[in-house]
Amino acid sequence: MSIVLGDKYTVDLFKLMGFNGRSFNNAKELYEYLLKNLHIYNVFFISSNYAKEMRKELDELRMRNPNKVFVEVPSVMENMEREVNYLQLVRQVLGG
């Protein structure tokens, strides 16, 4: 089971593609949610704008939870000047 976590615009985009997601106002809120729900999901897609702020914490989670996948996806808010194929990115990660 997977979930998309991040800013409202990135999460909304993934929801349009059929993903479960939750938006946050800041990286701290996202990290707290992540810790509380680590046992529920296997794959976490995290918007790059928040992932950058919590790089150290994400690296620690990756090391402590080798059976979980944490993927940084380009934030819609950061990539307005270039096109990103989000569906292709997801297919690469999930093998679809």
PDB file of N, CA and C in Angstrom:
ATOM      1  N   MET A   1       0.838  -1.163   0.000  1.00  0.00           N
ATOM      2  CA  MET A   1       0.000   0.000   0.000  1.00  0.00           C
ATOM      3  C   MET A   1       0.897   1.244   0.000  1.00  0.00           C
ATOM      4  N   SER A   2       0.503   2.262  -0.766  1.00  0.00           N
ATOM      5  CA  SER A   2       1.330   3.463  -0.884  1.00  0.00           C
ATOM      6  C   SER A   2       0.518   4.707  -0.568  1.00  0.00           C
ATOM      7  N   ILE A   3       1.240   5.778  -0.259  1.00  0.00           N
ATOM      8  CA  ILE A   3       0.613   7.063   0.023  1.00  0.00           C
ATOM      9  C   ILE A   3       1.542   8.181  -0.440  1.00  0.00           C
ATOM     10  N   VAL A   4       0.933   9.286  -0.863  1.00  0.00           N
ATOM     11  CA  VAL A   4       1.678  10.462  -1.272  1.00  0.00           C
ATOM     12  C   VAL A   4       1.530  11.500  -0.166  1.00  0.00           C
ATOM     13  N   LEU A   5       2.660  12.040   0.283  1.00  0.00           N
ATOM     14  CA  LEU A   5       2.673  13.028   1.353  1.00  0.00           C
ATOM     15  C   LEU A   5       3.400  14.277   0.867  1.00  0.00           C
ATOM     16  N   GLY A   6       2.866  15.439   1.184  1.00  0.00           N
ATOM     17  CA  GLY A   6       3.564  16.656   0.792  1.00  0.00           C
ATOM     18  C   GLY A   6       2.673  17.863   0.750  1.00  0.00           C
ATOM     19  N   ASP A   7       3.035  18.801  -0.126  1.00  0.00           N
ATOM     20  CA  ASP A   7       2.250  20.029  -0.271  1.00  0.00           C
ATOM     21  C   ASP A   7       0.936  19.724  -0.984  1.00  0.00           C
ATOM     22  N   LYS A   8      -0.024  20.600  -0.807  1.00  0.00           N
ATOM     23  CA  LYS A   8      -1.372  20.398  -1.330  1.00  0.00           C
ATOM     24  C   LYS A   8      -1.401  20.169  -2.836  1.00  0.00           C
ATOM     25  N   TYR A   9      -0.629  20.927  -3.585  1.00  0.00           N
ATOM     26  CA  TYR A   9      -0.684  20.837  -5.039  1.00  0.00           C
ATOM     27  C   TYR A   9      -0.135  19.507  -5.564  1.00  0.00           C
ATOM     28  N   THR A  10       0.962  19.061  -4.984  1.00  0.00           N
ATOM     29  CA  THR A  10       1.542  17.780  -5.404  1.00  0.00           C
ATOM     30  C   THR A  10       0.625  16.628  -5.014  1.00  0.00           C
ATOM     31  N   VAL A  11       0.114  16.649  -3.808  1.00  0.00           N
ATOM     32  CA  VAL A  11      -0.786  15.586  -3.343  1.00  0.00           C
ATOM     33  C   VAL A  11      -2.051  15.563  -4.189  1.00  0.00           C
ATOM     34  N   ASP A  12      -2.622  16.716  -4.474  1.00  0.00           N
ATOM     35  CA  ASP A  12      -3.830  16.775  -5.305  1.00  0.00           C
ATOM     36  C   ASP A  12      -3.589  16.197  -6.697  1.00  0.00           C
ATOM     37  N   LEU A  13      -2.421  16.462  -7.273  1.00  0.00           N
ATOM     38  CA  LEU A  13      -2.091  15.904  -8.580  1.00  0.00           C
ATOM     39  C   LEU A  13      -2.090  14.375  -8.530  1.00  0.00           C
ATOM     40  N   PHE A  14      -1.468  13.813  -7.498  1.00  0.00           N
ATOM     41  CA  PHE A  14      -1.428  12.357  -7.373  1.00  0.00           C
ATOM     42  C   PHE A  14      -2.803  11.774  -7.072  1.00  0.00           C
ATOM     43  N   LYS A  15      -3.620  12.507  -6.338  1.00  0.00           N
ATOM     44  CA  LYS A  15      -4.989  12.044  -6.085  1.00  0.00           C
ATOM     45  C   LYS A  15      -5.772  11.948  -7.388  1.00  0.00           C
ATOM     46  N   LEU A  16      -5.529  12.872  -8.322  1.00  0.00           N
ATOM     47  CA  LEU A  16      -6.182  12.808  -9.634  1.00  0.00           C
ATOM     48  C   LEU A  16      -5.789  11.544 -10.396  1.00  0.00           C
ATOM     49  N   MET A  17      -4.602  11.008 -10.092  1.00  0.00           N
ATOM     50  CA  MET A  17      -4.138   9.772 -10.733  1.00  0.00           C
ATOM     51  C   MET A  17      -4.587   8.542  -9.948  1.00  0.00           C
ATOM     52  N   GLY A  18      -5.353   8.746  -8.867  1.00  0.00           N
ATOM     53  CA  GLY A  18      -5.907   7.623  -8.127  1.00  0.00           C
ATOM     54  C   GLY A  18      -5.147   7.219  -6.877  1.00  0.00           C
ATOM     55  N   PHE A  19      -4.175   8.003  -6.464  1.00  0.00           N
ATOM     56  CA  PHE A  19      -3.387   7.668  -5.281  1.00  0.00           C
ATOM     57  C   PHE A  19      -4.032   8.193  -4.007  1.00  0.00           C
ATOM     58  N   ASN A  20      -3.746   7.497  -2.933  1.00  0.00           N
ATOM     59  CA  ASN A  20      -4.105   7.962  -1.601  1.00  0.00           C
ATOM     60  C   ASN A  20      -3.068   9.012  -1.218  1.00  0.00           C
ATOM     61  N   GLY A  21      -3.498  10.112  -0.612  1.00  0.00           N
ATOM     62  CA  GLY A  21      -2.543  11.141  -0.251  1.00  0.00           C
ATOM     63  C   GLY A  21      -3.019  12.025   0.874  1.00  0.00           C
ATOM     64  N   ARG A  22      -2.066  12.710   1.446  1.00  0.00           N
ATOM     65  CA  ARG A  22      -2.369  13.650   2.530  1.00  0.00           C
ATOM     66  C   ARG A  22      -1.420  14.832   2.425  1.00  0.00           C
ATOM     67  N   SER A  23      -2.000  16.031   2.505  1.00  0.00           N
ATOM     68  CA  SER A  23      -1.181  17.238   2.406  1.00  0.00           C
ATOM     69  C   SER A  23      -0.921  17.825   3.787  1.00  0.00           C
ATOM     70  N   PHE A  24       0.174  18.566   3.874  1.00  0.00           N
ATOM     71  CA  PHE A  24       0.623  19.149   5.141  1.00  0.00           C
ATOM     72  C   PHE A  24       1.063  20.581   4.914  1.00  0.00           C
ATOM     73  N   ASN A  25       1.071  21.342   6.011  1.00  0.00           N
ATOM     74  CA  ASN A  25       1.511  22.735   5.946  1.00  0.00           C
ATOM     75  C   ASN A  25       3.023  22.879   6.051  1.00  0.00           C
ATOM     76  N   ASN A  26       3.687  21.857   6.620  1.00  0.00           N
ATOM     77  CA  ASN A  26       5.142  21.932   6.764  1.00  0.00           C
ATOM     78  C   ASN A  26       5.730  20.531   6.927  1.00  0.00           C
ATOM     79  N   ALA A  27       7.040  20.457   6.852  1.00  0.00           N
ATOM     80  CA  ALA A  27       7.740  19.167   6.911  1.00  0.00           C
ATOM     81  C   ALA A  27       7.621  18.516   8.285  1.00  0.00           C
ATOM     82  N   LYS A  28       7.538  19.300   9.329  1.00  0.00           N
ATOM     83  CA  LYS A  28       7.426  18.739  10.679  1.00  0.00           C
ATOM     84  C   LYS A  28       6.126  17.954  10.834  1.00  0.00           C
ATOM     85  N   GLU A  29       5.013  18.525  10.372  1.00  0.00           N
ATOM     86  CA  GLU A  29       3.733  17.817  10.417  1.00  0.00           C
ATOM     87  C   GLU A  29       3.804  16.520   9.620  1.00  0.00           C
ATOM     88  N   LEU A  30       4.409  16.585   8.443  1.00  0.00           N
ATOM     89  CA  LEU A  30       4.542  15.407   7.591  1.00  0.00           C
ATOM     90  C   LEU A  30       5.337  14.322   8.299  1.00  0.00           C
ATOM     91  N   TYR A  31       6.450  14.691   8.904  1.00  0.00           N
ATOM     92  CA  TYR A  31       7.308  13.716   9.580  1.00  0.00           C
ATOM     93  C   TYR A  31       6.577  13.054  10.749  1.00  0.00           C
ATOM     94  N   GLU A  32       5.840  13.817  11.511  1.00  0.00           N
ATOM     95  CA  GLU A  32       5.076  13.257  12.632  1.00  0.00           C
ATOM     96  C   GLU A  32       4.033  12.258  12.135  1.00  0.00           C
ATOM     97  N   TYR A  33       3.354  12.596  11.036  1.00  0.00           N
ATOM     98  CA  TYR A  33       2.381  11.688  10.441  1.00  0.00           C
ATOM     99  C   TYR A  33       3.071  10.420   9.948  1.00  0.00           C
ATOM    100  N   LEU A  34       4.193  10.582   9.319  1.00  0.00           N
ATOM    101  CA  LEU A  34       4.968   9.458   8.799  1.00  0.00           C
ATOM    102  C   LEU A  34       5.317   8.474   9.912  1.00  0.00           C
ATOM    103  N   LEU A  35       5.805   8.985  11.018  1.00  0.00           N
ATOM    104  CA  LEU A  35       6.168   8.115  12.143  1.00  0.00           C
ATOM    105  C   LEU A  35       4.961   7.364  12.697  1.00  0.00           C
ATOM    106  N   LYS A  36       3.833   8.033  12.790  1.00  0.00           N
ATOM    107  CA  LYS A  36       2.623   7.410  13.349  1.00  0.00           C
ATOM    108  C   LYS A  36       2.011   6.370  12.412  1.00  0.00           C
ATOM    109  N   ASN A  37       2.283   6.493  11.119  1.00  0.00           N
ATOM    110  CA  ASN A  37       1.647   5.610  10.132  1.00  0.00           C
ATOM    111  C   ASN A  37       2.630   4.728   9.378  1.00  0.00           C
ATOM    112  N   LEU A  38       3.809   4.589   9.903  1.00  0.00           N
ATOM    113  CA  LEU A  38       4.849   3.789   9.256  1.00  0.00           C
ATOM    114  C   LEU A  38       4.428   2.334   9.072  1.00  0.00           C
ATOM    115  N   HIS A  39       3.660   1.826   9.999  1.00  0.00           N
ATOM    116  CA  HIS A  39       3.237   0.420   9.959  1.00  0.00           C
ATOM    117  C   HIS A  39       2.125   0.151   8.935  1.00  0.00           C
ATOM    118  N   ILE A  40       1.489   1.198   8.438  1.00  0.00           N
ATOM    119  CA  ILE A  40       0.353   1.024   7.525  1.00  0.00           C
ATOM    120  C   ILE A  40       0.776   0.905   6.070  1.00  0.00           C
ATOM    121  N   TYR A  41       1.769   1.691   5.659  1.00  0.00           N
ATOM    122  CA  TYR A  41       2.149   1.775   4.248  1.00  0.00           C
ATOM    123  C   TYR A  41       3.523   1.167   4.003  1.00  0.00           C
ATOM    124  N   ASN A  42       3.723   0.706   2.766  1.00  0.00           N
ATOM    125  CA  ASN A  42       5.022   0.164   2.360  1.00  0.00           C
ATOM    126  C   ASN A  42       5.816   1.147   1.512  1.00  0.00           C
ATOM    127  N   VAL A  43       5.097   2.012   0.777  1.00  0.00           N
ATOM    128  CA  VAL A  43       5.746   2.973  -0.105  1.00  0.00           C
ATOM    129  C   VAL A  43       5.229   4.366   0.231  1.00  0.00           C
ATOM    130  N   PHE A  44       6.175   5.272   0.463  1.00  0.00           N
ATOM    131  CA  PHE A  44       5.849   6.657   0.774  1.00  0.00           C
ATOM    132  C   PHE A  44       6.436   7.550  -0.304  1.00  0.00           C
ATOM    133  N   PHE A  45       5.571   8.236  -1.050  1.00  0.00           N
ATOM    134  CA  PHE A  45       6.003   9.239  -2.013  1.00  0.00           C
ATOM    135  C   PHE A  45       5.957  10.580  -1.281  1.00  0.00           C
ATOM    136  N   ILE A  46       7.079  11.274  -1.213  1.00  0.00           N
ATOM    137  CA  ILE A  46       7.168  12.512  -0.450  1.00  0.00           C
ATOM    138  C   ILE A  46       7.601  13.641  -1.382  1.00  0.00           C
ATOM    139  N   SER A  47       6.848  14.735  -1.367  1.00  0.00           N
ATOM    140  CA  SER A  47       7.173  15.857  -2.255  1.00  0.00           C
ATOM    141  C   SER A  47       8.550  16.415  -1.908  1.00  0.00           C
ATOM    142  N   SER A  48       9.281  16.782  -2.943  1.00  0.00           N
ATOM    143  CA  SER A  48      10.680  17.179  -2.792  1.00  0.00           C
ATOM    144  C   SER A  48      10.867  18.404  -1.906  1.00  0.00           C
ATOM    145  N   ASN A  49       9.920  19.331  -1.923  1.00  0.00           N
ATOM    146  CA  ASN A  49      10.091  20.533  -1.106  1.00  0.00           C
ATOM    147  C   ASN A  49      10.131  20.191   0.389  1.00  0.00           C
ATOM    148  N   TYR A  50       9.379  19.188   0.826  1.00  0.00           N
ATOM    149  CA  TYR A  50       9.421  18.764   2.228  1.00  0.00           C
ATOM    150  C   TYR A  50      10.538  17.757   2.470  1.00  0.00           C
ATOM    151  N   ALA A  51      10.801  16.909   1.497  1.00  0.00           N
ATOM    152  CA  ALA A  51      11.858  15.910   1.656  1.00  0.00           C
ATOM    153  C   ALA A  51      13.216  16.574   1.870  1.00  0.00           C
ATOM    154  N   LYS A  52      13.445  17.697   1.215  1.00  0.00           N
ATOM    155  CA  LYS A  52      14.711  18.418   1.391  1.00  0.00           C
ATOM    156  C   LYS A  52      14.881  18.901   2.821  1.00  0.00           C
ATOM    157  N   GLU A  53      13.785  19.314   3.440  1.00  0.00           N
ATOM    158  CA  GLU A  53      13.836  19.823   4.807  1.00  0.00           C
ATOM    159  C   GLU A  53      14.064  18.718   5.837  1.00  0.00           C
ATOM    160  N   MET A  54      13.715  17.497   5.482  1.00  0.00           N
ATOM    161  CA  MET A  54      13.847  16.398   6.438  1.00  0.00           C
ATOM    162  C   MET A  54      14.747  15.284   5.905  1.00  0.00           C
ATOM    163  N   ARG A  55      15.766  15.665   5.167  1.00  0.00           N
ATOM    164  CA  ARG A  55      16.679  14.706   4.529  1.00  0.00           C
ATOM    165  C   ARG A  55      17.299  13.751   5.554  1.00  0.00           C
ATOM    166  N   LYS A  56      17.814  14.289   6.643  1.00  0.00           N
ATOM    167  CA  LYS A  56      18.463  13.467   7.662  1.00  0.00           C
ATOM    168  C   LYS A  56      17.480  12.460   8.268  1.00  0.00           C
ATOM    169  N   GLU A  57      16.291  12.907   8.593  1.00  0.00           N
ATOM    170  CA  GLU A  57      15.278  12.034   9.178  1.00  0.00           C
ATOM    171  C   GLU A  57      14.866  10.928   8.209  1.00  0.00           C
ATOM    172  N   LEU A  58      14.723  11.282   6.929  1.00  0.00           N
ATOM    173  CA  LEU A  58      14.369  10.278   5.920  1.00  0.00           C
ATOM    174  C   LEU A  58      15.470   9.232   5.755  1.00  0.00           C
ATOM    175  N   ASP A  59      16.719   9.679   5.763  1.00  0.00           N
ATOM    176  CA  ASP A  59      17.833   8.735   5.661  1.00  0.00           C
ATOM    177  C   ASP A  59      17.840   7.760   6.838  1.00  0.00           C
ATOM    178  N   GLU A  60      17.551   8.265   8.030  1.00  0.00           N
ATOM    179  CA  GLU A  60      17.490   7.394   9.210  1.00  0.00           C
ATOM    180  C   GLU A  60      16.336   6.402   9.097  1.00  0.00           C
ATOM    181  N   LEU A  61      15.185   6.868   8.613  1.00  0.00           N
ATOM    182  CA  LEU A  61      14.046   5.967   8.433  1.00  0.00           C
ATOM    183  C   LEU A  61      14.362   4.873   7.415  1.00  0.00           C
ATOM    184  N   ARG A  62      15.052   5.241   6.337  1.00  0.00           N
ATOM    185  CA  ARG A  62      15.427   4.252   5.322  1.00  0.00           C
ATOM    186  C   ARG A  62      16.329   3.165   5.913  1.00  0.00           C
ATOM    187  N   MET A  63      17.262   3.586   6.757  1.00  0.00           N
ATOM    188  CA  MET A  63      18.194   2.628   7.357  1.00  0.00           C
ATOM    189  C   MET A  63      17.497   1.721   8.375  1.00  0.00           C
ATOM    190  N   ARG A  64      16.583   2.277   9.155  1.00  0.00           N
ATOM    191  CA  ARG A  64      15.893   1.498  10.186  1.00  0.00           C
ATOM    192  C   ARG A  64      14.753   0.650   9.640  1.00  0.00           C
ATOM    193  N   ASN A  65      14.283   0.961   8.435  1.00  0.00           N
ATOM    194  CA  ASN A  65      13.137   0.269   7.846  1.00  0.00           C
ATOM    195  C   ASN A  65      13.446  -0.165   6.418  1.00  0.00           C
ATOM    196  N   PRO A  66      14.303  -1.165   6.261  1.00  0.00           N
ATOM    197  CA  PRO A  66      14.715  -1.562   4.913  1.00  0.00           C
ATOM    198  C   PRO A  66      13.575  -2.143   4.063  1.00  0.00           C
ATOM    199  N   ASN A  67      12.489  -2.543   4.689  1.00  0.00           N
ATOM    200  CA  ASN A  67      11.362  -3.099   3.940  1.00  0.00           C
ATOM    201  C   ASN A  67      10.376  -2.025   3.489  1.00  0.00           C
ATOM    202  N   LYS A  68      10.656  -0.770   3.811  1.00  0.00           N
ATOM    203  CA  LYS A  68       9.818   0.356   3.395  1.00  0.00           C
ATOM    204  C   LYS A  68      10.542   1.138   2.301  1.00  0.00           C
ATOM    205  N   VAL A  69       9.767   1.747   1.412  1.00  0.00           N
ATOM    206  CA  VAL A  69      10.338   2.531   0.321  1.00  0.00           C
ATOM    207  C   VAL A  69       9.917   3.990   0.497  1.00  0.00           C
ATOM    208  N   PHE A  70      10.906   4.875   0.522  1.00  0.00           N
ATOM    209  CA  PHE A  70      10.672   6.309   0.643  1.00  0.00           C
ATOM    210  C   PHE A  70      11.182   6.965  -0.632  1.00  0.00           C
ATOM    211  N   VAL A  71      10.263   7.533  -1.413  1.00  0.00           N
ATOM    212  CA  VAL A  71      10.608   8.089  -2.713  1.00  0.00           C
ATOM    213  C   VAL A  71      10.335   9.587  -2.716  1.00  0.00           C
ATOM    214  N   GLU A  72      11.330  10.351  -3.092  1.00  0.00           N
ATOM    215  CA  GLU A  72      11.150  11.793  -3.243  1.00  0.00           C
ATOM    216  C   GLU A  72      10.634  12.059  -4.647  1.00  0.00           C
ATOM    217  N   VAL A  73       9.489  12.736  -4.732  1.00  0.00           N
ATOM    218  CA  VAL A  73       8.916  13.083  -6.029  1.00  0.00           C
ATOM    219  C   VAL A  73       8.993  14.596  -6.203  1.00  0.00           C
ATOM    220  N   PRO A  74       9.223  15.056  -7.424  1.00  0.00           N
ATOM    221  CA  PRO A  74       9.310  16.499  -7.649  1.00  0.00           C
ATOM    222  C   PRO A  74       8.019  17.205  -7.235  1.00  0.00           C
ATOM    223  N   SER A  75       8.158  18.223  -6.445  1.00  0.00           N
ATOM    224  CA  SER A  75       7.006  19.012  -6.017  1.00  0.00           C
ATOM    225  C   SER A  75       6.481  19.829  -7.191  1.00  0.00           C
ATOM    226  N   VAL A  76       5.179  19.880  -7.327  1.00  0.00           N
ATOM    227  CA  VAL A  76       4.565  20.703  -8.370  1.00  0.00           C
ATOM    228  C   VAL A  76       4.964  22.169  -8.163  1.00  0.00           C
ATOM    229  N   MET A  77       5.086  22.580  -6.935  1.00  0.00           N
ATOM    230  CA  MET A  77       5.418  23.972  -6.615  1.00  0.00           C
ATOM    231  C   MET A  77       6.836  24.338  -7.038  1.00  0.00           C
ATOM    232  N   GLU A  78       7.737  23.379  -7.064  1.00  0.00           N
ATOM    233  CA  GLU A  78       9.128  23.642  -7.439  1.00  0.00           C
ATOM    234  C   GLU A  78       9.389  23.464  -8.926  1.00  0.00           C
ATOM    235  N   ASN A  79       8.514  22.779  -9.621  1.00  0.00           N
ATOM    236  CA  ASN A  79       8.789  22.416 -11.012  1.00  0.00           C
ATOM    237  C   ASN A  79       7.837  23.054 -12.006  1.00  0.00           C
ATOM    238  N   MET A  80       7.445  24.262 -11.753  1.00  0.00           N
ATOM    239  CA  MET A  80       6.534  24.945 -12.662  1.00  0.00           C
ATOM    240  C   MET A  80       7.203  25.272 -14.001  1.00  0.00           C
ATOM    241  N   GLU A  81       8.535  25.409 -14.003  1.00  0.00           N
ATOM    242  CA  GLU A  81       9.219  25.814 -15.228  1.00  0.00           C
ATOM    243  C   GLU A  81       9.605  24.641 -16.134  1.00  0.00           C
ATOM    244  N   ARG A  82       9.453  23.425 -15.645  1.00  0.00           N
ATOM    245  CA  ARG A  82       9.758  22.280 -16.519  1.00  0.00           C
ATOM    246  C   ARG A  82       8.706  21.196 -16.344  1.00  0.00           C
ATOM    247  N   GLU A  83       8.537  20.414 -17.379  1.00  0.00           N
ATOM    248  CA  GLU A  83       7.518  19.365 -17.366  1.00  0.00           C
ATOM    249  C   GLU A  83       8.058  18.116 -16.678  1.00  0.00           C
ATOM    250  N   VAL A  84       7.242  17.530 -15.822  1.00  0.00           N
ATOM    251  CA  VAL A  84       7.596  16.288 -15.134  1.00  0.00           C
ATOM    252  C   VAL A  84       6.519  15.261 -15.432  1.00  0.00           C
ATOM    253  N   ASN A  85       6.929  14.079 -15.865  1.00  0.00           N
ATOM    254  CA  ASN A  85       5.984  12.998 -16.128  1.00  0.00           C
ATOM    255  C   ASN A  85       5.832  12.184 -14.843  1.00  0.00           C
ATOM    256  N   TYR A  86       4.878  12.575 -14.019  1.00  0.00           N
ATOM    257  CA  TYR A  86       4.676  11.938 -12.717  1.00  0.00           C
ATOM    258  C   TYR A  86       4.248  10.483 -12.863  1.00  0.00           C
ATOM    259  N   LEU A  87       3.405  10.199 -13.842  1.00  0.00           N
ATOM    260  CA  LEU A  87       2.951   8.829 -14.040  1.00  0.00           C
ATOM    261  C   LEU A  87       4.112   7.905 -14.381  1.00  0.00           C
ATOM    262  N   GLN A  88       5.016   8.361 -15.231  1.00  0.00           N
ATOM    263  CA  GLN A  88       6.195   7.566 -15.583  1.00  0.00           C
ATOM    264  C   GLN A  88       7.078   7.350 -14.349  1.00  0.00           C
ATOM    265  N   LEU A  89       7.225   8.362 -13.545  1.00  0.00           N
ATOM    266  CA  LEU A  89       8.005   8.260 -12.315  1.00  0.00           C
ATOM    267  C   LEU A  89       7.434   7.190 -11.393  1.00  0.00           C
ATOM    268  N   VAL A  90       6.129   7.188 -11.225  1.00  0.00           N
ATOM    269  CA  VAL A  90       5.464   6.204 -10.365  1.00  0.00           C
ATOM    270  C   VAL A  90       5.636   4.800 -10.944  1.00  0.00           C
ATOM    271  N   ARG A  91       5.493   4.674 -12.239  1.00  0.00           N
ATOM    272  CA  ARG A  91       5.653   3.358 -12.872  1.00  0.00           C
ATOM    273  C   ARG A  91       7.056   2.804 -12.663  1.00  0.00           C
ATOM    274  N   GLN A  92       8.049   3.677 -12.714  1.00  0.00           N
ATOM    275  CA  GLN A  92       9.428   3.237 -12.504  1.00  0.00           C
ATOM    276  C   GLN A  92       9.609   2.703 -11.080  1.00  0.00           C
ATOM    277  N   VAL A  93       9.014   3.381 -10.122  1.00  0.00           N
ATOM    278  CA  VAL A  93       9.166   2.995  -8.716  1.00  0.00           C
ATOM    279  C   VAL A  93       8.375   1.720  -8.421  1.00  0.00           C
ATOM    280  N   LEU A  94       7.138   1.664  -8.883  1.00  0.00           N
ATOM    281  CA  LEU A  94       6.275   0.520  -8.558  1.00  0.00           C
ATOM    282  C   LEU A  94       6.354  -0.613  -9.574  1.00  0.00           C
ATOM    283  N   GLY A  95       7.056  -0.382 -10.671  1.00  0.00           N
ATOM    284  CA  GLY A  95       7.244  -1.450 -11.657  1.00  0.00           C
ATOM    285  C   GLY A  95       6.015  -1.733 -12.483  1.00  0.00           C
ATOM    286  N   GLY A  96       5.226  -0.713 -12.777  1.00  0.00           N
ATOM    287  CA  GLY A  96       3.977  -0.915 -13.514  1.00  0.00           C
ATOM    288  C   GLY A  96       4.027  -0.512 -14.936  1.00  0.00           C
TER     289      GLY A  96
END
